[in-house]
N, C-alpha and C. Protein backbone atom coordinates (compact mmCIF):
# COMPACT_ATOMS: atom_id res chain seq x y z
N MET A 1 261.94 311.59 180.32
CA MET A 1 262.27 310.38 181.08
C MET A 1 261.40 309.23 180.56
N ALA A 2 262.02 308.07 180.41
CA ALA A 2 261.29 306.90 179.89
C ALA A 2 260.28 306.40 180.91
N ASP A 3 259.18 305.91 180.42
CA ASP A 3 258.15 305.32 181.26
C ASP A 3 258.64 303.97 181.77
N GLU A 4 258.81 303.81 183.07
CA GLU A 4 259.34 302.56 183.62
C GLU A 4 258.41 301.38 183.38
N SER A 5 257.14 301.63 183.13
CA SER A 5 256.23 300.53 182.85
C SER A 5 256.44 300.01 181.43
N LEU A 6 257.14 300.79 180.61
CA LEU A 6 257.48 300.37 179.25
C LEU A 6 259.00 300.47 179.08
N PRO A 7 259.73 299.53 179.68
CA PRO A 7 261.19 299.64 179.73
C PRO A 7 261.88 299.54 178.38
N PHE A 8 261.18 299.07 177.37
CA PHE A 8 261.79 298.88 176.06
C PHE A 8 261.28 299.89 175.04
N SER A 9 260.73 300.99 175.54
CA SER A 9 260.13 302.02 174.70
C SER A 9 261.12 302.49 173.63
N GLY A 10 260.65 302.46 172.39
CA GLY A 10 261.45 302.96 171.29
C GLY A 10 262.39 301.96 170.65
N LEU A 11 262.54 300.78 171.22
CA LEU A 11 263.48 299.79 170.70
C LEU A 11 262.85 298.93 169.60
N THR A 12 263.73 298.31 168.82
CA THR A 12 263.31 297.38 167.77
C THR A 12 263.72 295.97 168.18
N ALA A 13 262.80 295.01 168.02
CA ALA A 13 263.07 293.61 168.33
C ALA A 13 262.91 292.76 167.08
N LEU A 14 263.74 291.75 166.99
CA LEU A 14 263.60 290.73 165.96
C LEU A 14 263.08 289.48 166.63
N ALA A 15 262.00 288.92 166.10
CA ALA A 15 261.44 287.67 166.61
C ALA A 15 261.57 286.62 165.50
N VAL A 16 262.30 285.55 165.80
CA VAL A 16 262.46 284.46 164.84
C VAL A 16 261.67 283.27 165.37
N GLU A 17 260.55 283.00 164.71
CA GLU A 17 259.61 281.96 165.18
C GLU A 17 258.81 281.47 163.98
N ASP A 18 258.75 280.15 163.79
CA ASP A 18 258.04 279.59 162.64
C ASP A 18 256.57 279.29 162.89
N GLU A 19 256.17 279.15 164.14
CA GLU A 19 254.76 278.88 164.46
C GLU A 19 254.00 280.20 164.51
N ALA A 20 253.05 280.39 163.58
CA ALA A 20 252.37 281.67 163.44
C ALA A 20 251.70 282.14 164.73
N ILE A 21 251.01 281.27 165.42
CA ILE A 21 250.31 281.67 166.65
C ILE A 21 251.30 282.15 167.70
N ILE A 22 252.42 281.44 167.83
CA ILE A 22 253.44 281.85 168.81
C ILE A 22 254.09 283.16 168.37
N ALA A 23 254.33 283.31 167.09
CA ALA A 23 254.92 284.55 166.58
C ALA A 23 254.02 285.74 166.88
N PHE A 24 252.71 285.60 166.65
CA PHE A 24 251.78 286.68 166.95
C PHE A 24 251.76 286.98 168.45
N MET A 25 251.81 285.95 169.27
CA MET A 25 251.83 286.13 170.72
C MET A 25 253.08 286.92 171.13
N ILE A 26 254.23 286.53 170.59
CA ILE A 26 255.48 287.22 170.92
C ILE A 26 255.40 288.68 170.47
N GLU A 27 254.91 288.91 169.27
CA GLU A 27 254.78 290.28 168.77
C GLU A 27 253.87 291.11 169.67
N ASP A 28 252.75 290.53 170.08
CA ASP A 28 251.83 291.24 170.99
C ASP A 28 252.51 291.56 172.31
N MET A 29 253.22 290.58 172.86
CA MET A 29 253.92 290.80 174.14
C MET A 29 254.98 291.89 174.01
N LEU A 30 255.74 291.85 172.91
CA LEU A 30 256.76 292.87 172.71
C LEU A 30 256.13 294.25 172.59
N GLY A 31 254.99 294.33 171.94
CA GLY A 31 254.26 295.59 171.88
C GLY A 31 253.83 296.07 173.25
N GLU A 32 253.34 295.14 174.06
CA GLU A 32 252.94 295.49 175.44
C GLU A 32 254.12 295.99 176.25
N LEU A 33 255.31 295.49 175.96
CA LEU A 33 256.51 295.91 176.68
C LEU A 33 257.04 297.25 176.19
N GLY A 34 256.45 297.77 175.12
CA GLY A 34 256.82 299.10 174.65
C GLY A 34 257.73 299.15 173.44
N PHE A 35 258.04 298.00 172.85
CA PHE A 35 258.88 298.03 171.66
C PHE A 35 258.20 298.84 170.57
N ALA A 36 258.95 299.70 169.91
CA ALA A 36 258.40 300.54 168.85
C ALA A 36 258.19 299.74 167.57
N LYS A 37 259.04 298.73 167.36
CA LYS A 37 258.98 297.97 166.12
C LYS A 37 259.35 296.52 166.42
N VAL A 38 258.61 295.60 165.82
CA VAL A 38 258.91 294.18 165.91
C VAL A 38 259.02 293.65 164.49
N VAL A 39 260.17 293.08 164.18
CA VAL A 39 260.41 292.48 162.87
C VAL A 39 260.34 290.98 163.07
N HIS A 40 259.56 290.30 162.23
CA HIS A 40 259.35 288.86 162.40
C HIS A 40 259.97 288.10 161.23
N ALA A 41 260.61 286.98 161.54
CA ALA A 41 261.12 286.07 160.51
C ALA A 41 260.63 284.67 160.85
N SER A 42 260.12 283.98 159.84
CA SER A 42 259.61 282.63 160.05
C SER A 42 260.59 281.55 159.63
N SER A 43 261.80 281.96 159.20
CA SER A 43 262.83 281.00 158.83
C SER A 43 264.21 281.59 159.12
N VAL A 44 265.20 280.73 159.17
CA VAL A 44 266.58 281.19 159.37
C VAL A 44 267.01 282.07 158.20
N ASP A 45 266.71 281.65 156.98
CA ASP A 45 267.09 282.45 155.81
C ASP A 45 266.46 283.84 155.83
N LYS A 46 265.18 283.93 156.20
CA LYS A 46 264.51 285.23 156.28
C LYS A 46 265.14 286.10 157.36
N ALA A 47 265.49 285.50 158.49
CA ALA A 47 266.12 286.26 159.57
C ALA A 47 267.47 286.81 159.12
N LEU A 48 268.25 285.98 158.44
CA LEU A 48 269.57 286.43 157.96
C LEU A 48 269.41 287.55 156.93
N ALA A 49 268.40 287.45 156.08
CA ALA A 49 268.15 288.51 155.10
C ALA A 49 267.75 289.82 155.80
N ILE A 50 266.93 289.72 156.82
CA ILE A 50 266.54 290.91 157.58
C ILE A 50 267.76 291.59 158.19
N LEU A 51 268.68 290.78 158.72
CA LEU A 51 269.86 291.34 159.38
C LEU A 51 270.82 292.03 158.41
N GLU A 52 270.64 291.80 157.11
CA GLU A 52 271.46 292.50 156.13
C GLU A 52 271.07 293.96 156.01
N SER A 53 269.82 294.28 156.38
CA SER A 53 269.35 295.66 156.23
C SER A 53 268.83 296.30 157.52
N THR A 54 268.64 295.50 158.55
CA THR A 54 268.08 296.00 159.80
C THR A 54 268.91 295.49 160.97
N GLN A 55 269.22 296.38 161.90
CA GLN A 55 269.91 295.94 163.11
C GLN A 55 268.99 296.20 164.30
N PRO A 56 268.38 295.11 164.82
CA PRO A 56 267.49 295.27 165.97
C PRO A 56 268.30 295.58 167.23
N ASP A 57 267.59 296.02 168.25
CA ASP A 57 268.23 296.26 169.54
C ASP A 57 268.38 294.98 170.34
N VAL A 58 267.47 294.02 170.08
CA VAL A 58 267.45 292.76 170.80
C VAL A 58 266.65 291.76 169.95
N ALA A 59 266.86 290.47 170.21
CA ALA A 59 266.13 289.46 169.44
C ALA A 59 265.69 288.30 170.34
N VAL A 60 264.61 287.66 169.90
CA VAL A 60 264.09 286.43 170.53
C VAL A 60 264.15 285.36 169.45
N LEU A 61 264.90 284.29 169.73
CA LEU A 61 265.13 283.25 168.74
C LEU A 61 264.57 281.91 169.18
N ASP A 62 263.62 281.39 168.42
CA ASP A 62 263.19 280.01 168.61
C ASP A 62 264.38 279.14 168.22
N VAL A 63 264.70 278.15 169.02
CA VAL A 63 265.89 277.33 168.76
C VAL A 63 265.73 276.49 167.50
N ASN A 64 264.53 275.96 167.27
CA ASN A 64 264.27 275.11 166.12
C ASN A 64 263.24 275.82 165.24
N VAL A 65 263.71 276.35 164.10
CA VAL A 65 262.84 277.14 163.23
C VAL A 65 262.57 276.34 161.96
N ALA A 66 261.37 275.82 161.87
CA ALA A 66 260.96 275.01 160.71
C ALA A 66 261.95 273.87 160.46
N GLY A 67 262.40 273.24 161.54
CA GLY A 67 263.30 272.10 161.43
C GLY A 67 264.77 272.46 161.28
N THR A 68 265.09 273.75 161.30
CA THR A 68 266.46 274.20 161.14
C THR A 68 266.94 274.87 162.43
N PRO A 69 268.11 274.51 162.93
CA PRO A 69 268.65 275.19 164.11
C PRO A 69 268.90 276.67 163.82
N VAL A 70 268.62 277.51 164.78
CA VAL A 70 268.69 278.96 164.60
C VAL A 70 270.11 279.52 164.80
N TYR A 71 271.07 278.67 165.03
CA TYR A 71 272.41 279.13 165.39
C TYR A 71 273.09 280.03 164.35
N PRO A 72 272.85 279.90 163.04
CA PRO A 72 273.43 280.89 162.12
C PRO A 72 272.93 282.32 162.39
N VAL A 73 271.69 282.44 162.83
CA VAL A 73 271.15 283.76 163.19
C VAL A 73 271.83 284.24 164.48
N ALA A 74 272.01 283.34 165.42
CA ALA A 74 272.71 283.70 166.67
C ALA A 74 274.12 284.18 166.36
N ASP A 75 274.81 283.50 165.45
CA ASP A 75 276.16 283.92 165.05
C ASP A 75 276.14 285.31 164.44
N ALA A 76 275.17 285.57 163.56
CA ALA A 76 275.06 286.88 162.91
C ALA A 76 274.78 287.97 163.93
N LEU A 77 273.88 287.70 164.88
CA LEU A 77 273.58 288.68 165.92
C LEU A 77 274.81 288.95 166.78
N LYS A 78 275.52 287.90 167.12
CA LYS A 78 276.74 288.06 167.93
C LYS A 78 277.75 288.94 167.19
N ALA A 79 277.91 288.72 165.88
CA ALA A 79 278.84 289.52 165.08
C ALA A 79 278.42 290.99 165.04
N LEU A 80 277.11 291.23 165.10
CA LEU A 80 276.58 292.60 165.09
C LEU A 80 276.51 293.20 166.50
N ASP A 81 276.86 292.42 167.50
CA ASP A 81 276.79 292.82 168.91
C ASP A 81 275.35 293.14 169.32
N VAL A 82 274.40 292.33 168.82
CA VAL A 82 272.99 292.46 169.18
C VAL A 82 272.66 291.38 170.20
N PRO A 83 272.21 291.75 171.39
CA PRO A 83 271.88 290.75 172.39
C PRO A 83 270.61 289.99 172.02
N PHE A 84 270.52 288.74 172.48
CA PHE A 84 269.36 287.92 172.16
C PHE A 84 269.12 286.87 173.22
N ALA A 85 267.87 286.39 173.23
CA ALA A 85 267.47 285.29 174.10
C ALA A 85 266.93 284.17 173.22
N PHE A 86 267.19 282.95 173.64
CA PHE A 86 266.62 281.80 172.97
C PHE A 86 265.28 281.48 173.61
N ALA A 87 264.34 280.99 172.80
CA ALA A 87 263.06 280.49 173.29
C ALA A 87 263.00 279.02 172.91
N SER A 88 262.78 278.16 173.91
CA SER A 88 262.82 276.73 173.63
C SER A 88 261.95 275.94 174.59
N GLY A 89 261.32 274.93 174.07
CA GLY A 89 260.58 274.00 174.92
C GLY A 89 261.51 273.09 175.71
N TYR A 90 262.77 273.03 175.27
CA TYR A 90 263.76 272.18 175.95
C TYR A 90 264.53 272.94 177.02
N GLY A 91 264.34 274.25 177.08
CA GLY A 91 265.05 275.05 178.07
C GLY A 91 266.53 275.09 177.80
N ARG A 92 267.31 275.43 178.79
CA ARG A 92 268.76 275.56 178.67
C ARG A 92 269.42 274.25 178.26
N ASN A 93 268.85 273.11 178.66
CA ASN A 93 269.45 271.82 178.34
C ASN A 93 269.48 271.53 176.84
N GLY A 94 268.66 272.21 176.07
CA GLY A 94 268.62 271.98 174.64
C GLY A 94 269.64 272.79 173.86
N LEU A 95 270.47 273.59 174.54
CA LEU A 95 271.44 274.45 173.86
C LEU A 95 272.84 273.86 173.89
N PRO A 96 273.60 274.07 172.80
CA PRO A 96 275.02 273.70 172.83
C PRO A 96 275.76 274.56 173.85
N ALA A 97 276.87 274.07 174.34
CA ALA A 97 277.65 274.78 175.37
C ALA A 97 278.03 276.20 174.94
N GLU A 98 278.25 276.40 173.65
CA GLU A 98 278.64 277.71 173.13
C GLU A 98 277.64 278.80 173.49
N TRP A 99 276.37 278.44 173.60
CA TRP A 99 275.32 279.41 173.84
C TRP A 99 274.75 279.33 175.26
N ALA A 100 275.38 278.59 176.12
CA ALA A 100 274.85 278.34 177.46
C ALA A 100 274.69 279.60 178.31
N ASN A 101 275.43 280.64 178.01
CA ASN A 101 275.35 281.86 178.82
C ASN A 101 274.27 282.84 178.35
N ASN A 102 273.65 282.55 177.22
CA ASN A 102 272.57 283.41 176.75
C ASN A 102 271.29 283.15 177.54
N PRO A 103 270.49 284.18 177.74
CA PRO A 103 269.20 283.96 178.39
C PRO A 103 268.34 282.98 177.59
N VAL A 104 267.62 282.14 178.31
CA VAL A 104 266.73 281.17 177.69
C VAL A 104 265.34 281.35 178.29
N ILE A 105 264.35 281.42 177.41
CA ILE A 105 262.96 281.53 177.83
C ILE A 105 262.33 280.17 177.60
N GLN A 106 261.93 279.52 178.67
CA GLN A 106 261.31 278.20 178.57
C GLN A 106 259.90 278.36 178.01
N LYS A 107 259.61 277.65 176.91
CA LYS A 107 258.25 277.65 176.35
C LYS A 107 257.40 276.66 177.12
N PRO A 108 256.14 276.93 177.32
CA PRO A 108 255.47 278.20 177.04
C PRO A 108 255.87 279.26 178.07
N PHE A 109 255.81 280.51 177.67
CA PHE A 109 256.20 281.59 178.58
C PHE A 109 255.14 282.68 178.59
N ASP A 110 255.27 283.54 179.59
CA ASP A 110 254.34 284.66 179.73
C ASP A 110 255.10 285.98 179.60
N LEU A 111 254.38 287.07 179.72
CA LEU A 111 254.95 288.39 179.55
C LEU A 111 256.09 288.65 180.54
N THR A 112 255.92 288.23 181.77
CA THR A 112 256.94 288.47 182.79
C THR A 112 258.24 287.76 182.44
N ARG A 113 258.16 286.52 182.02
CA ARG A 113 259.38 285.77 181.66
C ARG A 113 260.06 286.38 180.44
N LEU A 114 259.27 286.82 179.47
CA LEU A 114 259.84 287.47 178.29
C LEU A 114 260.53 288.76 178.70
N ARG A 115 259.86 289.58 179.50
CA ARG A 115 260.44 290.85 179.97
C ARG A 115 261.74 290.61 180.72
N ASP A 116 261.74 289.63 181.62
CA ASP A 116 262.94 289.35 182.42
C ASP A 116 264.10 288.90 181.55
N ALA A 117 263.82 288.03 180.57
CA ALA A 117 264.88 287.55 179.69
C ALA A 117 265.45 288.68 178.83
N LEU A 118 264.58 289.54 178.30
CA LEU A 118 265.06 290.64 177.48
C LEU A 118 265.80 291.68 178.32
N SER A 119 265.37 291.87 179.54
CA SER A 119 266.10 292.77 180.44
C SER A 119 267.49 292.22 180.69
N ALA A 120 267.61 290.91 180.88
CA ALA A 120 268.93 290.28 181.09
C ALA A 120 269.79 290.44 179.85
N CYS A 121 269.18 290.36 178.68
CA CYS A 121 269.93 290.55 177.42
C CYS A 121 270.55 291.93 177.35
N LEU A 122 269.79 292.92 177.74
CA LEU A 122 270.21 294.30 177.55
C LEU A 122 271.13 294.82 178.66
N VAL A 123 271.32 294.03 179.71
CA VAL A 123 272.26 294.42 180.77
C VAL A 123 273.67 294.07 180.29
N ARG A 124 274.45 295.08 180.10
CA ARG A 124 275.81 294.87 179.60
C ARG A 124 276.80 294.98 180.76
N PRO A 125 277.81 294.12 180.78
CA PRO A 125 278.83 294.21 181.85
C PRO A 125 279.63 295.49 181.77
């Protein structure tokens, strides 16, 4: 039986974030939540390359990655049926209508907000 204190035990997460300090924070938080593996991409191109060989269970996407919108990665994840949450300082208002139903983590965020958003991602209808 899975440890309820580590609800994401054994899962792989993709974190797309260009700010190194924030990326390390997200990786640490994902580790605390029990993720077995965290794959990090600091650009949209790197994230797309990762998705050619790795299919994560869930992803956290910074909306603006080194000045580039992350939406091509969101499209790729959607095509792979991989759930994801956006992380943004602008919150839900910064997203195009197409992505309005995805979970959004308002920056700055803490472990609880990250856990709640990822839990919402993994709940399938």
